N, C-alpha and C. Protein backbone atom coordinates (compact mmCIF):
# COMPACT_ATOMS: atom_id res chain seq x y z
N MET A 1 -26.80 -33.39 34.27
CA MET A 1 -26.05 -32.06 35.19
C MET A 1 -24.61 -32.20 34.15
N GLY A 2 -24.41 -31.04 33.52
CA GLY A 2 -23.28 -30.81 32.65
C GLY A 2 -22.26 -30.90 34.28
N ILE A 3 -20.99 -31.16 33.72
CA ILE A 3 -19.34 -30.71 34.32
C ILE A 3 -18.46 -30.81 33.28
N TYR A 4 -17.69 -29.78 34.06
CA TYR A 4 -16.74 -29.29 33.52
C TYR A 4 -15.34 -29.79 33.53
N ASN A 5 -15.04 -30.44 32.42
CA ASN A 5 -13.74 -31.12 32.37
C ASN A 5 -12.48 -30.43 32.24
N PRO A 6 -11.53 -30.09 32.98
CA PRO A 6 -10.24 -29.27 32.72
C PRO A 6 -9.31 -30.10 32.09
N GLY A 7 -9.01 -31.21 32.02
CA GLY A 7 -8.27 -32.02 30.69
C GLY A 7 -8.65 -31.77 29.53
N TYR A 8 -9.42 -31.28 29.13
CA TYR A 8 -10.14 -31.12 27.45
C TYR A 8 -8.61 -31.08 26.64
N THR A 9 -9.09 -31.27 25.20
CA THR A 9 -7.73 -30.83 24.42
C THR A 9 -9.01 -30.36 23.04
N SER A 10 -9.61 -30.22 23.13
CA SER A 10 -10.17 -29.05 22.20
C SER A 10 -11.22 -28.48 22.67
N SER A 11 -11.58 -27.37 21.90
CA SER A 11 -12.85 -26.63 22.69
C SER A 11 -14.14 -27.82 22.52
N MET A 12 -14.19 -28.42 21.70
CA MET A 12 -15.30 -29.34 21.79
C MET A 12 -15.25 -30.37 23.09
N GLU A 13 -14.20 -30.52 23.60
CA GLU A 13 -14.27 -30.92 25.07
C GLU A 13 -14.04 -30.40 26.00
N LYS A 14 -14.63 -29.56 26.20
CA LYS A 14 -14.17 -28.29 27.28
C LYS A 14 -15.18 -28.80 28.26
N PHE A 15 -16.70 -28.95 27.57
CA PHE A 15 -17.78 -29.37 28.74
C PHE A 15 -18.44 -30.70 28.07
N ARG A 16 -18.51 -31.57 29.05
CA ARG A 16 -19.33 -32.68 29.01
C ARG A 16 -20.71 -32.93 29.80
N TYR A 17 -21.69 -33.87 29.57
CA TYR A 17 -22.34 -33.91 30.19
C TYR A 17 -22.68 -35.63 30.59
N GLN A 18 -22.40 -35.49 31.74
CA GLN A 18 -22.26 -37.25 32.06
C GLN A 18 -23.76 -37.54 33.26
N PRO A 19 -24.29 -38.24 32.45
CA PRO A 19 -25.58 -39.06 33.53
C PRO A 19 -25.41 -39.33 34.91
N THR A 20 -25.74 -39.29 35.85
CA THR A 20 -25.28 -39.78 37.31
C THR A 20 -25.77 -41.37 37.64
N GLY A 21 -26.84 -41.68 36.83
CA GLY A 21 -27.19 -43.17 36.79
C GLY A 21 -27.63 -43.57 35.72
N GLY A 22 -27.95 -44.95 35.50
CA GLY A 22 -28.31 -45.37 34.62
C GLY A 22 -27.16 -46.30 34.10
N THR A 23 -26.77 -46.97 33.09
CA THR A 23 -25.81 -47.32 32.34
C THR A 23 -24.65 -46.89 32.73
N GLY A 24 -23.98 -45.66 33.44
CA GLY A 24 -23.18 -45.52 33.60
C GLY A 24 -22.40 -44.32 31.89
N GLY A 25 -22.40 -44.53 30.90
CA GLY A 25 -22.89 -44.31 29.67
C GLY A 25 -22.33 -42.81 29.48
N LYS A 26 -21.62 -42.11 28.42
CA LYS A 26 -21.32 -40.62 29.01
C LYS A 26 -21.98 -40.19 27.86
N LEU A 27 -22.66 -38.99 27.40
CA LEU A 27 -23.44 -38.40 26.26
C LEU A 27 -22.22 -37.21 26.03
N ASP A 28 -21.84 -36.55 24.78
CA ASP A 28 -21.03 -35.71 24.94
C ASP A 28 -22.10 -34.66 24.20
N PHE A 29 -22.09 -32.96 24.13
CA PHE A 29 -22.85 -32.35 23.94
C PHE A 29 -22.07 -31.24 23.28
N ASN A 30 -21.88 -31.13 22.37
CA ASN A 30 -21.19 -29.93 21.60
C ASN A 30 -21.06 -29.46 20.52
N TYR A 31 -21.34 -27.86 20.97
CA TYR A 31 -21.72 -27.14 20.62
C TYR A 31 -20.70 -25.65 19.85
N PHE A 32 -19.61 -26.39 20.19
CA PHE A 32 -18.32 -25.55 19.74
C PHE A 32 -18.18 -25.89 17.91
N TYR A 33 -16.97 -25.37 17.67
CA TYR A 33 -16.51 -25.82 16.30
C TYR A 33 -15.06 -26.25 16.77
N SER A 34 -14.82 -27.52 15.75
CA SER A 34 -13.67 -28.59 16.22
C SER A 34 -13.08 -27.82 15.12
N PRO A 35 -11.32 -28.13 15.42
CA PRO A 35 -10.46 -27.48 14.73
C PRO A 35 -10.62 -29.07 13.41
N SER A 36 -10.82 -29.83 14.24
CA SER A 36 -10.97 -31.15 12.68
C SER A 36 -12.13 -30.88 12.07
N ASN A 37 -12.34 -32.05 11.46
CA ASN A 37 -13.23 -32.52 10.57
C ASN A 37 -14.05 -33.20 11.03
N THR A 38 -14.14 -33.76 11.94
CA THR A 38 -15.58 -34.29 12.22
C THR A 38 -15.86 -33.90 14.08
N THR A 39 -16.13 -34.13 15.07
CA THR A 39 -16.77 -33.35 16.00
C THR A 39 -17.34 -34.93 16.36
N LYS A 40 -17.69 -35.01 18.38
CA LYS A 40 -18.15 -35.81 18.82
C LYS A 40 -19.21 -35.28 18.57
N GLY A 41 -20.56 -36.15 19.16
CA GLY A 41 -21.64 -36.18 18.51
C GLY A 41 -22.44 -36.90 20.08
N ILE A 42 -23.64 -36.73 20.16
CA ILE A 42 -24.28 -37.12 21.10
C ILE A 42 -24.37 -38.85 20.56
N GLY A 43 -24.01 -39.43 22.46
CA GLY A 43 -23.80 -40.66 22.08
C GLY A 43 -22.43 -41.12 22.87
N SER A 44 -22.26 -42.36 23.25
CA SER A 44 -20.76 -42.77 23.61
C SER A 44 -19.51 -42.89 22.73
N GLY A 45 -18.97 -41.80 22.44
CA GLY A 45 -17.77 -41.92 21.37
C GLY A 45 -18.37 -41.79 20.47
N SER A 46 -19.32 -41.43 19.90
CA SER A 46 -19.63 -41.20 18.28
C SER A 46 -19.15 -39.78 17.61
N THR A 47 -18.98 -40.08 16.63
CA THR A 47 -18.57 -38.73 15.97
C THR A 47 -19.45 -38.14 14.56
N THR A 48 -19.59 -37.01 14.22
CA THR A 48 -20.34 -36.34 13.27
C THR A 48 -19.76 -35.71 12.88
N THR A 49 -19.92 -35.60 11.50
CA THR A 49 -19.29 -34.08 10.81
C THR A 49 -20.45 -32.72 11.04
N ARG A 50 -20.18 -31.79 11.07
CA ARG A 50 -20.56 -30.99 10.93
C ARG A 50 -20.88 -29.82 9.97
N GLY A 51 -21.32 -28.94 9.73
CA GLY A 51 -21.67 -27.95 8.56
C GLY A 51 -20.24 -27.30 8.82
N PHE A 52 -19.72 -26.57 9.80
CA PHE A 52 -18.84 -25.84 9.95
C PHE A 52 -17.52 -26.63 10.78
N SER A 53 -16.99 -26.88 9.82
CA SER A 53 -15.51 -27.71 10.69
C SER A 53 -14.20 -26.93 10.79
N PHE A 54 -13.94 -25.73 11.30
CA PHE A 54 -12.88 -25.27 11.60
C PHE A 54 -13.29 -24.45 12.89
N SER A 55 -12.27 -23.91 13.14
CA SER A 55 -11.86 -23.37 14.44
C SER A 55 -12.25 -22.07 14.61
N PRO A 56 -12.12 -20.86 13.27
CA PRO A 56 -12.77 -19.52 13.57
C PRO A 56 -14.25 -19.25 14.01
N THR A 57 -14.41 -18.10 15.13
CA THR A 57 -15.49 -17.79 15.26
C THR A 57 -16.24 -17.48 13.76
N MET A 58 -17.73 -17.50 14.18
CA MET A 58 -18.37 -16.45 12.48
C MET A 58 -18.09 -15.20 13.02
N GLY A 59 -17.59 -14.31 14.15
CA GLY A 59 -17.59 -12.93 13.81
C GLY A 59 -15.93 -12.72 12.85
N GLY A 60 -15.09 -13.69 13.55
CA GLY A 60 -13.64 -13.50 12.92
C GLY A 60 -13.69 -13.80 11.65
N MET A 61 -14.90 -14.75 11.11
CA MET A 61 -14.71 -14.96 9.83
C MET A 61 -15.19 -13.95 8.45
N ILE A 62 -16.35 -13.05 9.43
CA ILE A 62 -16.42 -12.10 9.23
C ILE A 62 -15.93 -10.98 8.62
N LYS A 63 -15.31 -10.45 9.96
CA LYS A 63 -14.03 -9.95 9.84
C LYS A 63 -12.87 -10.58 8.75
N GLY A 64 -12.95 -11.63 8.58
CA GLY A 64 -11.71 -11.81 7.58
C GLY A 64 -12.01 -11.34 6.59
N VAL A 65 -13.44 -12.34 6.10
CA VAL A 65 -13.72 -11.84 4.79
C VAL A 65 -13.85 -10.23 4.50
N GLY A 66 -14.28 -9.32 5.35
CA GLY A 66 -14.62 -7.87 5.01
C GLY A 66 -13.52 -7.56 5.00
N SER A 67 -12.36 -7.77 5.78
CA SER A 67 -10.78 -7.81 5.66
C SER A 67 -10.30 -7.70 4.17
N ILE A 68 -10.05 -8.84 3.53
CA ILE A 68 -10.10 -9.16 2.08
C ILE A 68 -10.67 -8.04 1.40
N TYR A 69 -12.01 -8.33 1.74
CA TYR A 69 -12.56 -7.24 0.13
C TYR A 69 -12.43 -5.40 0.18
N GLY A 70 -12.27 -5.56 1.30
CA GLY A 70 -11.66 -4.29 1.39
C GLY A 70 -10.57 -3.97 0.82
N GLY A 71 -9.33 -4.95 1.60
CA GLY A 71 -7.97 -4.77 0.60
C GLY A 71 -7.95 -4.77 -0.70
N ILE A 72 -8.98 -6.07 -1.45
CA ILE A 72 -8.77 -6.20 -2.97
C ILE A 72 -9.97 -4.88 -3.46
N SER A 73 -10.73 -4.19 -2.71
CA SER A 73 -11.49 -3.12 -3.05
C SER A 73 -10.13 -1.80 -3.38
N ALA A 74 -9.80 -1.98 -2.45
CA ALA A 74 -8.69 -0.31 -2.61
C ALA A 74 -7.42 -0.64 -3.56
N PHE A 75 -7.44 -1.86 -3.75
CA PHE A 75 -6.13 -2.38 -4.83
C PHE A 75 -6.95 -1.84 -6.09
N ASN A 76 -8.41 -2.10 -6.48
CA ASN A 76 -9.00 -2.27 -7.79
C ASN A 76 -9.47 -0.28 -7.83
N SER A 77 -9.29 0.40 -6.96
CA SER A 77 -9.74 1.58 -7.10
C SER A 77 -8.90 2.47 -6.97
N SER A 78 -7.53 1.81 -6.45
CA SER A 78 -6.16 2.49 -6.71
C SER A 78 -5.43 2.11 -8.48
N ARG A 79 -6.02 1.45 -9.02
CA ARG A 79 -5.79 1.34 -10.14
C ARG A 79 -6.60 1.92 -10.90
N GLU A 80 -7.78 2.37 -10.76
CA GLU A 80 -8.62 3.12 -11.83
C GLU A 80 -8.23 4.81 -11.58
N VAL A 81 -7.75 4.88 -10.07
CA VAL A 81 -7.03 6.42 -10.09
C VAL A 81 -5.54 6.30 -10.84
N ALA A 82 -4.78 5.35 -10.59
CA ALA A 82 -3.21 5.64 -11.41
C ALA A 82 -4.37 5.46 -12.90
N SER A 83 -5.09 5.21 -13.16
CA SER A 83 -5.54 4.92 -14.54
C SER A 83 -5.86 6.78 -15.21
N ASP A 84 -6.68 6.99 -14.62
CA ASP A 84 -6.93 8.45 -14.62
C ASP A 84 -5.87 9.32 -14.60
N LEU A 85 -5.14 9.11 -13.53
CA LEU A 85 -3.92 10.25 -13.51
C LEU A 85 -2.76 10.06 -14.61
N ARG A 86 -3.00 8.70 -15.56
CA ARG A 86 -2.29 8.34 -16.96
C ARG A 86 -2.28 9.39 -17.56
N PHE A 87 -4.42 8.96 -17.70
CA PHE A 87 -4.72 9.78 -18.78
C PHE A 87 -5.22 10.98 -18.55
N GLN A 88 -4.75 11.52 -17.74
CA GLN A 88 -4.68 13.55 -17.61
C GLN A 88 -3.35 14.00 -17.70
N GLY A 89 -2.24 13.04 -17.66
CA GLY A 89 -0.48 13.40 -17.77
C GLY A 89 -0.68 12.99 -19.14
N ASN A 90 -1.10 12.07 -20.26
CA ASN A 90 -0.90 11.97 -21.67
C ASN A 90 -1.47 13.43 -22.16
N ILE A 91 -3.07 13.60 -21.54
CA ILE A 91 -3.48 14.56 -22.06
C ILE A 91 -2.73 16.02 -22.23
N ALA A 92 -2.10 16.39 -21.28
CA ALA A 92 -1.65 17.37 -20.97
C ALA A 92 -0.25 16.97 -21.90
N MET A 93 0.42 16.17 -21.92
CA MET A 93 1.69 15.87 -22.87
C MET A 93 1.01 16.60 -24.29
N GLN A 94 -0.23 15.60 -24.68
CA GLN A 94 -0.55 16.29 -26.12
C GLN A 94 -0.66 17.54 -26.27
N GLU A 95 -1.80 18.35 -25.23
CA GLU A 95 -1.99 19.36 -25.61
C GLU A 95 -0.61 20.49 -25.71
N SER A 96 0.28 19.63 -25.33
CA SER A 96 1.17 20.73 -24.91
C SER A 96 2.36 20.78 -26.36
N PHE A 97 1.99 19.75 -26.83
CA PHE A 97 2.92 19.70 -28.59
C PHE A 97 1.80 20.20 -29.27
N ARG A 98 0.40 20.43 -28.71
CA ARG A 98 -0.04 21.11 -29.69
C ARG A 98 -0.34 22.39 -29.37
N THR A 99 0.03 23.05 -28.46
CA THR A 99 0.44 24.40 -28.24
C THR A 99 1.91 24.84 -28.94
N ALA A 100 2.54 23.61 -28.77
CA ALA A 100 4.27 24.16 -29.18
C ALA A 100 3.78 24.21 -30.91
N ALA A 101 3.39 23.08 -31.42
CA ALA A 101 3.25 23.64 -32.78
C ALA A 101 2.48 24.87 -33.41
N ILE A 102 1.45 25.34 -32.37
CA ILE A 102 0.90 26.57 -32.83
C ILE A 102 1.74 27.44 -32.81
N ILE A 103 2.93 27.36 -31.60
CA ILE A 103 3.85 28.29 -31.70
C ILE A 103 4.58 28.14 -32.65
N ARG A 104 5.44 27.62 -32.93
CA ARG A 104 6.17 27.52 -33.86
C ARG A 104 5.59 27.86 -34.79
N GLU A 105 3.98 27.64 -35.68
CA GLU A 105 3.65 28.30 -36.82
C GLU A 105 3.88 29.66 -36.64
N GLU A 106 3.04 30.03 -35.87
CA GLU A 106 2.97 31.36 -35.30
C GLU A 106 4.40 32.16 -35.44
N GLY A 107 5.23 31.73 -35.06
CA GLY A 107 6.74 32.32 -35.50
C GLY A 107 7.07 32.12 -36.51
N GLN A 108 6.53 31.03 -37.36
CA GLN A 108 7.51 31.25 -39.03
C GLN A 108 6.07 32.51 -39.66
N LYS A 109 5.24 32.46 -39.26
CA LYS A 109 4.21 33.64 -39.94
C LYS A 109 5.03 35.16 -39.36
N PHE A 110 5.30 34.80 -38.61
CA PHE A 110 6.04 36.49 -37.95
C PHE A 110 7.10 36.86 -38.63
N ALA A 111 8.08 35.68 -39.03
CA ALA A 111 9.33 35.65 -39.39
C ALA A 111 8.83 35.81 -41.12
N ALA A 112 7.97 35.45 -41.19
CA ALA A 112 7.38 35.74 -42.68
C ALA A 112 6.96 37.32 -43.04
N GLN A 113 6.03 37.73 -42.14
CA GLN A 113 5.41 38.80 -41.98
C GLN A 113 7.08 40.12 -41.96
N GLN A 114 7.37 39.57 -41.23
CA GLN A 114 8.99 40.69 -41.26
C GLN A 114 9.86 40.51 -42.26
N SER A 115 9.64 39.40 -42.82
CA SER A 115 10.44 39.46 -44.11
C SER A 115 9.61 40.51 -45.29
N LEU A 116 8.28 40.53 -45.37
CA LEU A 116 7.56 41.53 -46.36
C LEU A 116 8.25 42.71 -45.69
N GLN A 117 7.42 43.17 -44.30
CA GLN A 117 8.16 44.74 -44.49
C GLN A 117 9.00 45.12 -44.81
N TYR A 118 10.35 44.31 -44.43
CA TYR A 118 11.75 44.62 -44.05
C TYR A 118 12.01 45.11 -46.16
N ILE A 119 11.06 43.59 -46.66
CA ILE A 119 11.38 43.64 -48.81
C ILE A 119 10.53 44.71 -48.36
N GLY A 120 9.35 45.44 -48.10
CA GLY A 120 8.13 46.38 -48.94
C GLY A 120 9.02 48.34 -48.07
N SER A 121 9.44 48.06 -47.57
CA SER A 121 9.88 49.08 -46.88
C SER A 121 11.26 49.29 -47.77
N GLY A 122 12.00 48.58 -49.01
CA GLY A 122 13.09 48.41 -49.56
C GLY A 122 14.63 48.20 -48.67
N VAL A 123 14.40 47.35 -47.67
CA VAL A 123 15.41 47.08 -47.01
C VAL A 123 16.05 45.43 -47.51
N GLN A 124 17.16 45.32 -47.88
CA GLN A 124 17.33 43.76 -48.65
C GLN A 124 17.43 42.88 -47.21
N LEU A 125 16.58 41.87 -47.63
CA LEU A 125 17.43 40.53 -46.34
C LEU A 125 19.04 40.35 -46.37
N GLY A 126 19.51 41.17 -45.40
CA GLY A 126 20.94 41.07 -45.35
C GLY A 126 21.55 41.19 -43.95
N GLY A 127 22.68 41.21 -44.13
CA GLY A 127 23.20 42.11 -42.11
C GLY A 127 21.84 41.30 -41.17
N SER A 128 22.02 43.14 -40.53
CA SER A 128 20.75 43.13 -39.34
C SER A 128 19.36 42.34 -39.37
N ALA A 129 19.03 42.91 -40.75
CA ALA A 129 17.81 42.08 -40.96
C ALA A 129 17.41 40.58 -41.19
N LEU A 130 18.08 39.84 -41.64
CA LEU A 130 18.75 38.38 -41.43
C LEU A 130 18.62 37.59 -40.12
N VAL A 131 19.26 38.43 -39.33
CA VAL A 131 19.50 38.49 -38.04
C VAL A 131 18.52 38.65 -36.99
N THR A 132 17.59 39.77 -37.25
CA THR A 132 15.94 39.88 -36.42
C THR A 132 15.05 38.59 -36.79
N LEU A 133 15.51 38.36 -38.12
CA LEU A 133 14.17 36.93 -38.83
C LEU A 133 14.75 35.53 -38.36
N ALA A 134 16.70 35.61 -38.25
CA ALA A 134 16.57 34.28 -37.45
C ALA A 134 16.36 34.04 -35.68
N GLN A 135 16.47 35.38 -35.17
CA GLN A 135 16.08 35.31 -33.63
C GLN A 135 15.10 35.43 -33.37
N THR A 136 13.80 35.96 -34.51
CA THR A 136 12.59 35.84 -34.12
C THR A 136 11.97 34.16 -34.29
N LYS A 137 12.46 33.35 -35.27
CA LYS A 137 12.32 32.06 -35.55
C LYS A 137 13.00 31.37 -34.44
N LYS A 138 14.26 31.84 -33.69
CA LYS A 138 14.40 30.63 -32.67
C LYS A 138 13.91 31.39 -31.41
N TYR A 139 13.31 32.35 -31.52
CA TYR A 139 12.31 32.45 -29.68
C TYR A 139 11.26 31.76 -30.09
N ALA A 140 10.73 31.42 -31.17
CA ALA A 140 9.44 30.86 -31.36
C ALA A 140 9.77 28.95 -31.01
N GLU A 141 11.17 29.13 -31.60
CA GLU A 141 11.69 27.21 -31.45
C GLU A 141 11.28 27.42 -29.83
N THR A 142 12.30 28.31 -29.04
CA THR A 142 12.52 27.96 -27.97
C THR A 142 11.24 27.88 -27.28
N GLU A 143 10.25 28.53 -27.32
CA GLU A 143 9.17 28.51 -26.84
C GLU A 143 8.54 27.11 -26.51
N ALA A 144 8.11 26.80 -27.94
CA ALA A 144 7.78 25.70 -28.45
C ALA A 144 8.04 24.18 -27.48
N LYS A 145 9.99 24.75 -27.32
CA LYS A 145 10.08 23.65 -26.80
C LYS A 145 10.48 23.10 -25.23
N ALA A 146 9.66 24.86 -24.70
CA ALA A 146 9.33 24.63 -23.15
C ALA A 146 8.28 24.33 -23.31
N THR A 147 7.76 24.30 -24.12
CA THR A 147 5.75 24.46 -23.84
C THR A 147 5.98 22.71 -23.80
N GLU A 148 6.83 22.22 -24.75
CA GLU A 148 6.59 20.54 -24.80
C GLU A 148 7.31 20.12 -23.85
N ALA A 149 8.37 20.53 -23.24
CA ALA A 149 8.98 20.29 -22.10
C ALA A 149 7.98 19.99 -20.45
N LYS A 150 7.17 21.23 -20.49
CA LYS A 150 6.22 21.57 -19.56
C LYS A 150 5.41 19.99 -19.28
N GLY A 151 4.63 19.79 -20.77
CA GLY A 151 3.98 18.86 -20.98
C GLY A 151 4.45 17.53 -20.20
N ARG A 152 6.00 17.30 -21.08
CA ARG A 152 6.49 16.45 -20.61
C ARG A 152 6.73 16.51 -19.14
N ALA A 153 6.88 17.09 -18.21
CA ALA A 153 7.29 16.77 -17.12
C ALA A 153 5.77 16.51 -16.57
N VAL A 154 4.61 17.11 -17.06
CA VAL A 154 3.20 17.09 -16.32
C VAL A 154 2.85 15.65 -16.62
N GLN A 155 3.13 14.64 -17.70
CA GLN A 155 3.01 13.84 -17.83
C GLN A 155 3.60 13.18 -17.49
N TYR A 156 5.00 13.44 -16.93
CA TYR A 156 6.33 12.21 -15.41
C TYR A 156 5.72 12.24 -14.70
N LEU A 157 5.10 14.17 -14.44
CA LEU A 157 4.69 13.85 -12.66
C LEU A 157 3.60 12.53 -12.10
N SER A 158 2.61 12.96 -13.53
CA SER A 158 0.67 12.12 -13.55
C SER A 158 1.81 10.39 -13.38
N GLU A 159 2.55 10.03 -14.16
CA GLU A 159 3.41 8.93 -14.37
C GLU A 159 3.51 8.02 -13.08
N LYS A 160 4.39 9.24 -11.96
CA LYS A 160 5.06 8.78 -10.72
C LYS A 160 3.72 8.86 -9.87
N GLN A 161 2.68 9.88 -10.08
CA GLN A 161 1.28 9.65 -8.75
C GLN A 161 0.85 8.70 -9.00
N ALA A 162 0.38 7.93 -10.50
CA ALA A 162 -0.34 6.86 -10.68
C ALA A 162 0.65 6.00 -10.47
N ARG A 163 2.03 5.84 -10.20
CA ARG A 163 2.31 4.28 -10.18
C ARG A 163 2.47 4.52 -8.28
N LEU A 164 2.69 5.46 -7.85
CA LEU A 164 2.27 5.87 -6.38
C LEU A 164 1.24 5.17 -5.84
N LYS A 165 -0.01 5.75 -6.71
CA LYS A 165 -1.35 4.95 -5.94
C LYS A 165 -1.39 3.51 -6.06
N GLU A 166 -0.34 3.26 -7.32
CA GLU A 166 -1.10 1.47 -7.74
C GLU A 166 -0.06 0.81 -6.55
N ASP A 167 0.83 1.05 -6.03
CA ASP A 167 1.72 0.90 -4.87
C ASP A 167 1.02 0.69 -3.65
N GLU A 168 0.34 2.29 -3.22
CA GLU A 168 -0.78 2.07 -2.15
C GLU A 168 -1.66 1.15 -2.24
N GLY A 169 -2.14 1.25 -3.47
CA GLY A 169 -3.19 0.13 -3.58
C GLY A 169 -3.04 -1.44 -3.17
N ARG A 170 -1.92 -1.57 -3.84
CA ARG A 170 -1.02 -3.25 -3.34
C ARG A 170 -1.07 -3.36 -1.91
N ALA A 171 -0.08 -2.49 -1.19
CA ALA A 171 0.17 -2.34 -0.35
C ALA A 171 -1.27 -2.89 0.65
N ALA A 172 -2.17 -1.88 0.20
CA ALA A 172 -3.42 -2.03 0.85
C ALA A 172 -4.44 -3.68 1.28
N MET A 173 -4.46 -4.00 -0.18
CA MET A 173 -4.41 -5.50 -0.17
C MET A 173 -4.13 -6.48 0.58
N VAL A 174 -2.27 -6.34 0.06
CA VAL A 174 -1.52 -7.01 1.13
C VAL A 174 -1.81 -7.23 2.35
N SER A 175 -2.19 -5.91 2.84
CA SER A 175 -2.41 -5.64 4.32
C SER A 175 -3.74 -6.31 4.43
N GLY A 176 -4.96 -5.86 3.52
CA GLY A 176 -5.98 -6.61 3.90
C GLY A 176 -6.12 -8.01 3.85
N ILE A 177 -5.65 -8.68 2.98
CA ILE A 177 -5.51 -9.95 3.03
C ILE A 177 -4.76 -10.46 4.40
N LEU A 178 -3.73 -10.07 4.25
CA LEU A 178 -3.45 -10.87 5.41
C LEU A 178 -3.98 -10.92 7.06
N GLY A 179 -4.61 -9.63 6.28
CA GLY A 179 -5.03 -9.31 8.00
C GLY A 179 -6.72 -10.36 7.98
N GLY A 180 -7.20 -10.52 6.82
CA GLY A 180 -8.21 -11.20 6.97
C GLY A 180 -7.94 -12.65 7.01
N ILE A 181 -6.79 -12.79 6.80
CA ILE A 181 -5.89 -14.62 7.03
C ILE A 181 -6.68 -14.52 8.91
N GLY A 182 -5.59 -13.43 8.86
CA GLY A 182 -5.15 -13.48 10.80
C GLY A 182 -6.62 -13.46 11.32
N SER A 183 -7.41 -12.66 10.59
CA SER A 183 -9.02 -12.64 11.57
C SER A 183 -9.20 -14.19 11.46
N ILE A 184 -9.07 -14.81 10.45
CA ILE A 184 -9.95 -16.07 10.20
C ILE A 184 -9.53 -17.05 10.91
N LEU A 185 -8.31 -17.21 11.02
CA LEU A 185 -7.14 -17.98 11.36
C LEU A 185 -7.78 -17.71 13.19
N GLY A 186 -7.38 -16.88 12.99
CA GLY A 186 -6.88 -16.27 14.79
C GLY A 186 -8.80 -16.10 15.57
N GLY A 187 -9.71 -15.75 14.54
CA GLY A 187 -10.64 -15.78 15.30
C GLY A 187 -11.27 -14.23 16.00
């Protein structure tokens, strides 16, 4: 018959079976995990090593491992998203530089056409004709610089979003690991 031992020192010693006759010896039936590496076995004062020698429950272990895995997965996922954001930002910047180069080239071509039209109509390239050509080139250059600035801004924004994603992933990983450790140790 099992009796409850109110003076137990660990979960292993909570319940004991003590026979009422015979030699008066004490048999310990321990089916709980012990916080130490050994547990009391069957027999008077004997100890045996069990396969699991720690205190958390199996559910706590599974929950803890799942939490750690979830945190690490969130971190890896955030790194992939951050990489994609950086890639998109770099593409946007390269595209803006390519567009700016086209704008400059078209501005030069248009200024050259204007120059030929002035010469073809007998106007000397001086005075207001030169001012008009200079303004055409200036407008093209201003538009090209604005396009490049827009590309840089998109790339900068993408970089900031990527850093944010990485920070979120790092926070999720730390939270997952700490939560997992808490679940493992606390059961």
